[in-house]
Amino acid sequence: MAFLVILVLSCVLWIGFPLFHCGDFIAFYERGIVYCKRKWTLEELGEISFLDVRTNYSFFTRTYMRTAVRDFNLTYIKDGKKNYNRAYFEAL
């Protein structure tokens, strides 16, 4: 019985984990971005690139926006790369 409870709890946590990221958002502006209520200027971010990571213990890939300051986790943000390209390159 205890095994069943642990199994159910682990399934609920694994399925519900993306819900913790419901507040994650990113907005692109002419001179910078806003990521989860924090403003960053393009000058302090430096060169921006994207990285898709797939690990052995996960079915899904993680998407990171890599900058000189830090790596931003865009996994749970819909169309993060596409919106970046629209904002700064006007291309898809």
N, C-alpha and C. Protein backbone atom coordinates (compact mmCIF):
# COMPACT_ATOMS: atom_id res chain seq x y z
N MET A 1 0.82 -1.20 0.00
CA MET A 1 0.00 0.00 0.00
C MET A 1 0.86 1.26 0.00
N ALA A 2 1.94 1.24 0.78
CA ALA A 2 2.83 2.40 0.84
C ALA A 2 3.49 2.63 -0.52
N PHE A 3 3.82 1.54 -1.21
CA PHE A 3 4.41 1.67 -2.54
C PHE A 3 3.45 2.37 -3.50
N LEU A 4 2.19 2.03 -3.42
CA LEU A 4 1.18 2.64 -4.28
C LEU A 4 1.04 4.13 -4.00
N VAL A 5 1.08 4.50 -2.73
CA VAL A 5 0.99 5.91 -2.36
C VAL A 5 2.21 6.67 -2.89
N ILE A 6 3.39 6.11 -2.72
CA ILE A 6 4.61 6.74 -3.22
C ILE A 6 4.57 6.86 -4.74
N LEU A 7 4.09 5.83 -5.40
CA LEU A 7 3.98 5.85 -6.86
C LEU A 7 3.03 6.94 -7.33
N VAL A 8 1.88 7.05 -6.68
CA VAL A 8 0.90 8.07 -7.06
C VAL A 8 1.46 9.47 -6.80
N LEU A 9 2.10 9.69 -5.67
CA LEU A 9 2.68 10.99 -5.37
C LEU A 9 3.78 11.37 -6.35
N SER A 10 4.62 10.42 -6.70
CA SER A 10 5.67 10.72 -7.66
C SER A 10 5.10 11.04 -9.04
N CYS A 11 4.03 10.36 -9.43
CA CYS A 11 3.39 10.67 -10.72
C CYS A 11 2.75 12.05 -10.70
N VAL A 12 2.14 12.41 -9.60
CA VAL A 12 1.51 13.73 -9.49
C VAL A 12 2.58 14.82 -9.56
N LEU A 13 3.70 14.62 -8.88
CA LEU A 13 4.79 15.60 -8.93
C LEU A 13 5.39 15.70 -10.33
N TRP A 14 5.57 14.56 -11.00
CA TRP A 14 6.18 14.59 -12.33
C TRP A 14 5.27 15.27 -13.34
N ILE A 15 3.97 15.02 -13.24
CA ILE A 15 3.02 15.63 -14.16
C ILE A 15 2.78 17.09 -13.80
N GLY A 16 2.76 17.42 -12.51
CA GLY A 16 2.45 18.77 -12.07
C GLY A 16 3.63 19.72 -12.05
N PHE A 17 4.85 19.22 -12.27
CA PHE A 17 6.03 20.09 -12.20
C PHE A 17 5.95 21.29 -13.14
N PRO A 18 5.49 21.15 -14.38
CA PRO A 18 5.39 22.35 -15.23
C PRO A 18 4.45 23.42 -14.70
N LEU A 19 3.52 23.05 -13.82
CA LEU A 19 2.61 24.05 -13.27
C LEU A 19 3.32 25.06 -12.37
N PHE A 20 4.46 24.69 -11.82
CA PHE A 20 5.25 25.63 -11.03
C PHE A 20 5.78 26.77 -11.89
N HIS A 21 5.88 26.54 -13.17
CA HIS A 21 6.43 27.52 -14.09
C HIS A 21 5.36 28.33 -14.81
N CYS A 22 4.13 28.29 -14.33
CA CYS A 22 3.05 29.03 -14.99
C CYS A 22 3.30 30.53 -14.98
N GLY A 23 4.02 31.03 -14.01
CA GLY A 23 4.30 32.46 -13.93
C GLY A 23 5.49 32.90 -14.77
N ASP A 24 6.21 31.95 -15.37
CA ASP A 24 7.37 32.30 -16.19
C ASP A 24 6.91 32.99 -17.46
N PHE A 25 7.56 34.09 -17.78
CA PHE A 25 7.26 34.78 -19.03
C PHE A 25 8.50 35.54 -19.47
N ILE A 26 8.53 35.88 -20.73
CA ILE A 26 9.61 36.68 -21.27
C ILE A 26 9.00 37.67 -22.26
N ALA A 27 9.46 38.90 -22.18
CA ALA A 27 9.00 39.94 -23.10
C ALA A 27 10.23 40.61 -23.69
N PHE A 28 10.21 40.77 -24.99
CA PHE A 28 11.34 41.37 -25.70
C PHE A 28 11.01 42.81 -26.05
N TYR A 29 11.92 43.71 -25.74
CA TYR A 29 11.76 45.13 -26.04
C TYR A 29 12.94 45.60 -26.88
N GLU A 30 12.86 46.84 -27.35
CA GLU A 30 13.88 47.38 -28.24
C GLU A 30 15.27 47.37 -27.60
N ARG A 31 15.35 47.67 -26.33
CA ARG A 31 16.65 47.77 -25.66
C ARG A 31 16.90 46.69 -24.61
N GLY A 32 16.03 45.69 -24.52
CA GLY A 32 16.24 44.65 -23.52
C GLY A 32 15.09 43.68 -23.43
N ILE A 33 15.11 42.90 -22.37
CA ILE A 33 14.08 41.90 -22.14
C ILE A 33 13.60 42.00 -20.69
N VAL A 34 12.41 41.45 -20.46
CA VAL A 34 11.90 41.25 -19.11
C VAL A 34 11.67 39.76 -18.97
N TYR A 35 12.36 39.15 -18.01
CA TYR A 35 12.24 37.72 -17.77
C TYR A 35 11.81 37.52 -16.32
N CYS A 36 10.60 37.01 -16.13
CA CYS A 36 10.06 36.76 -14.78
C CYS A 36 10.19 37.97 -13.87
N LYS A 37 9.71 39.10 -14.33
CA LYS A 37 9.63 40.37 -13.59
C LYS A 37 10.98 41.06 -13.38
N ARG A 38 12.04 40.59 -13.99
CA ARG A 38 13.34 41.25 -13.87
C ARG A 38 13.74 41.79 -15.24
N LYS A 39 14.21 43.04 -15.26
CA LYS A 39 14.60 43.68 -16.52
C LYS A 39 16.09 43.48 -16.77
N TRP A 40 16.41 43.19 -18.02
CA TRP A 40 17.79 43.03 -18.46
C TRP A 40 17.96 43.86 -19.73
N THR A 41 19.05 44.61 -19.83
CA THR A 41 19.34 45.35 -21.06
C THR A 41 20.15 44.47 -21.99
N LEU A 42 20.07 44.75 -23.27
CA LEU A 42 20.83 43.97 -24.24
C LEU A 42 22.33 44.15 -24.06
N GLU A 43 22.75 45.32 -23.59
CA GLU A 43 24.18 45.57 -23.38
C GLU A 43 24.74 44.66 -22.30
N GLU A 44 24.01 44.48 -21.21
CA GLU A 44 24.53 43.63 -20.14
C GLU A 44 24.40 42.15 -20.46
N LEU A 45 23.45 41.77 -21.32
CA LEU A 45 23.30 40.37 -21.69
C LEU A 45 24.38 39.90 -22.64
N GLY A 46 24.86 40.76 -23.49
CA GLY A 46 25.88 40.36 -24.46
C GLY A 46 25.29 39.54 -25.59
N GLU A 47 26.09 38.64 -26.13
CA GLU A 47 25.65 37.80 -27.25
C GLU A 47 24.64 36.77 -26.75
N ILE A 48 23.57 36.60 -27.52
CA ILE A 48 22.49 35.68 -27.14
C ILE A 48 22.45 34.52 -28.12
N SER A 49 22.39 33.31 -27.57
CA SER A 49 22.24 32.11 -28.39
C SER A 49 21.26 31.18 -27.68
N PHE A 50 20.77 30.19 -28.41
CA PHE A 50 19.80 29.25 -27.84
C PHE A 50 20.39 27.85 -27.85
N LEU A 51 20.02 27.08 -26.84
CA LEU A 51 20.53 25.73 -26.68
C LEU A 51 19.37 24.82 -26.31
N ASP A 52 19.20 23.74 -27.06
CA ASP A 52 18.20 22.72 -26.75
C ASP A 52 18.94 21.52 -26.16
N VAL A 53 18.53 21.10 -24.96
CA VAL A 53 19.21 20.02 -24.24
C VAL A 53 18.24 18.88 -24.03
N ARG A 54 18.68 17.69 -24.37
CA ARG A 54 17.89 16.50 -24.09
C ARG A 54 18.75 15.55 -23.26
N THR A 55 18.22 15.14 -22.12
CA THR A 55 18.96 14.25 -21.24
C THR A 55 18.43 12.84 -21.33
N ASN A 56 19.18 11.90 -20.79
CA ASN A 56 18.78 10.50 -20.86
C ASN A 56 17.56 10.19 -19.99
N TYR A 57 17.37 10.92 -18.91
CA TYR A 57 16.29 10.60 -17.99
C TYR A 57 15.04 11.43 -18.22
N SER A 58 14.94 12.11 -19.34
CA SER A 58 13.76 12.92 -19.64
C SER A 58 13.29 12.66 -21.07
N PHE A 59 11.98 12.69 -21.24
CA PHE A 59 11.41 12.53 -22.58
C PHE A 59 11.43 13.83 -23.37
N PHE A 60 11.56 14.94 -22.69
CA PHE A 60 11.41 16.25 -23.30
C PHE A 60 12.74 16.99 -23.35
N THR A 61 12.84 17.93 -24.27
CA THR A 61 14.04 18.76 -24.35
C THR A 61 13.83 20.03 -23.54
N ARG A 62 14.92 20.56 -23.04
CA ARG A 62 14.90 21.84 -22.33
C ARG A 62 15.51 22.88 -23.26
N THR A 63 14.96 24.07 -23.25
CA THR A 63 15.44 25.15 -24.09
C THR A 63 16.01 26.25 -23.21
N TYR A 64 17.24 26.64 -23.50
CA TYR A 64 17.90 27.70 -22.75
C TYR A 64 18.29 28.84 -23.69
N MET A 65 18.12 30.07 -23.21
CA MET A 65 18.65 31.24 -23.90
C MET A 65 19.94 31.59 -23.17
N ARG A 66 21.06 31.39 -23.84
CA ARG A 66 22.36 31.58 -23.22
C ARG A 66 22.87 32.99 -23.48
N THR A 67 23.33 33.64 -22.41
CA THR A 67 23.88 34.98 -22.51
C THR A 67 25.17 35.03 -21.69
N ALA A 68 25.84 36.18 -21.71
CA ALA A 68 27.06 36.34 -20.92
C ALA A 68 26.75 36.39 -19.43
N VAL A 69 25.54 36.79 -19.07
CA VAL A 69 25.17 36.94 -17.67
C VAL A 69 24.73 35.61 -17.06
N ARG A 70 23.82 34.92 -17.73
CA ARG A 70 23.29 33.66 -17.23
C ARG A 70 22.56 32.93 -18.32
N ASP A 71 22.17 31.69 -18.03
CA ASP A 71 21.33 30.91 -18.93
C ASP A 71 19.89 31.00 -18.46
N PHE A 72 19.01 31.46 -19.34
CA PHE A 72 17.59 31.60 -19.02
C PHE A 72 16.87 30.34 -19.47
N ASN A 73 16.12 29.71 -18.58
CA ASN A 73 15.38 28.51 -18.92
C ASN A 73 14.06 28.91 -19.58
N LEU A 74 13.95 28.64 -20.88
CA LEU A 74 12.73 28.97 -21.64
C LEU A 74 11.90 27.73 -21.94
N THR A 75 12.13 26.66 -21.21
CA THR A 75 11.46 25.39 -21.49
C THR A 75 9.95 25.51 -21.46
N TYR A 76 9.43 26.21 -20.46
CA TYR A 76 7.98 26.28 -20.28
C TYR A 76 7.38 27.57 -20.81
N ILE A 77 8.14 28.30 -21.60
CA ILE A 77 7.63 29.53 -22.21
C ILE A 77 7.33 29.24 -23.68
N LYS A 78 6.10 29.43 -24.06
CA LYS A 78 5.68 29.10 -25.42
C LYS A 78 6.33 30.03 -26.44
N ASP A 79 6.93 29.47 -27.46
CA ASP A 79 7.51 30.19 -28.60
C ASP A 79 8.56 31.22 -28.18
N GLY A 80 9.43 30.88 -27.25
CA GLY A 80 10.46 31.81 -26.80
C GLY A 80 11.44 32.17 -27.91
N LYS A 81 11.94 31.16 -28.63
CA LYS A 81 12.89 31.42 -29.73
C LYS A 81 12.22 32.17 -30.87
N LYS A 82 11.00 31.78 -31.19
CA LYS A 82 10.28 32.42 -32.29
C LYS A 82 10.02 33.89 -31.98
N ASN A 83 9.62 34.19 -30.74
CA ASN A 83 9.37 35.59 -30.37
C ASN A 83 10.66 36.40 -30.34
N TYR A 84 11.77 35.79 -29.97
CA TYR A 84 13.06 36.48 -30.01
C TYR A 84 13.41 36.86 -31.46
N ASN A 85 13.24 35.93 -32.37
CA ASN A 85 13.54 36.21 -33.78
C ASN A 85 12.61 37.27 -34.35
N ARG A 86 11.35 37.24 -33.97
CA ARG A 86 10.41 38.27 -34.43
C ARG A 86 10.77 39.63 -33.90
N ALA A 87 11.21 39.69 -32.64
CA ALA A 87 11.49 40.98 -32.02
C ALA A 87 12.76 41.63 -32.56
N TYR A 88 13.78 40.84 -32.82
CA TYR A 88 15.07 41.42 -33.17
C TYR A 88 15.51 41.21 -34.61
N PHE A 89 14.91 40.26 -35.29
CA PHE A 89 15.33 40.01 -36.68
C PHE A 89 14.19 40.10 -37.66
N GLU A 90 12.95 40.21 -37.18
CA GLU A 90 11.76 40.27 -38.01
C GLU A 90 11.72 39.12 -39.00
N ALA A 91 12.14 37.94 -38.53
CA ALA A 91 12.14 36.73 -39.37
C ALA A 91 11.74 35.56 -38.51
N LEU A 92 11.37 34.48 -39.17
CA LEU A 92 11.07 33.24 -38.44
C LEU A 92 12.18 32.31 -38.63
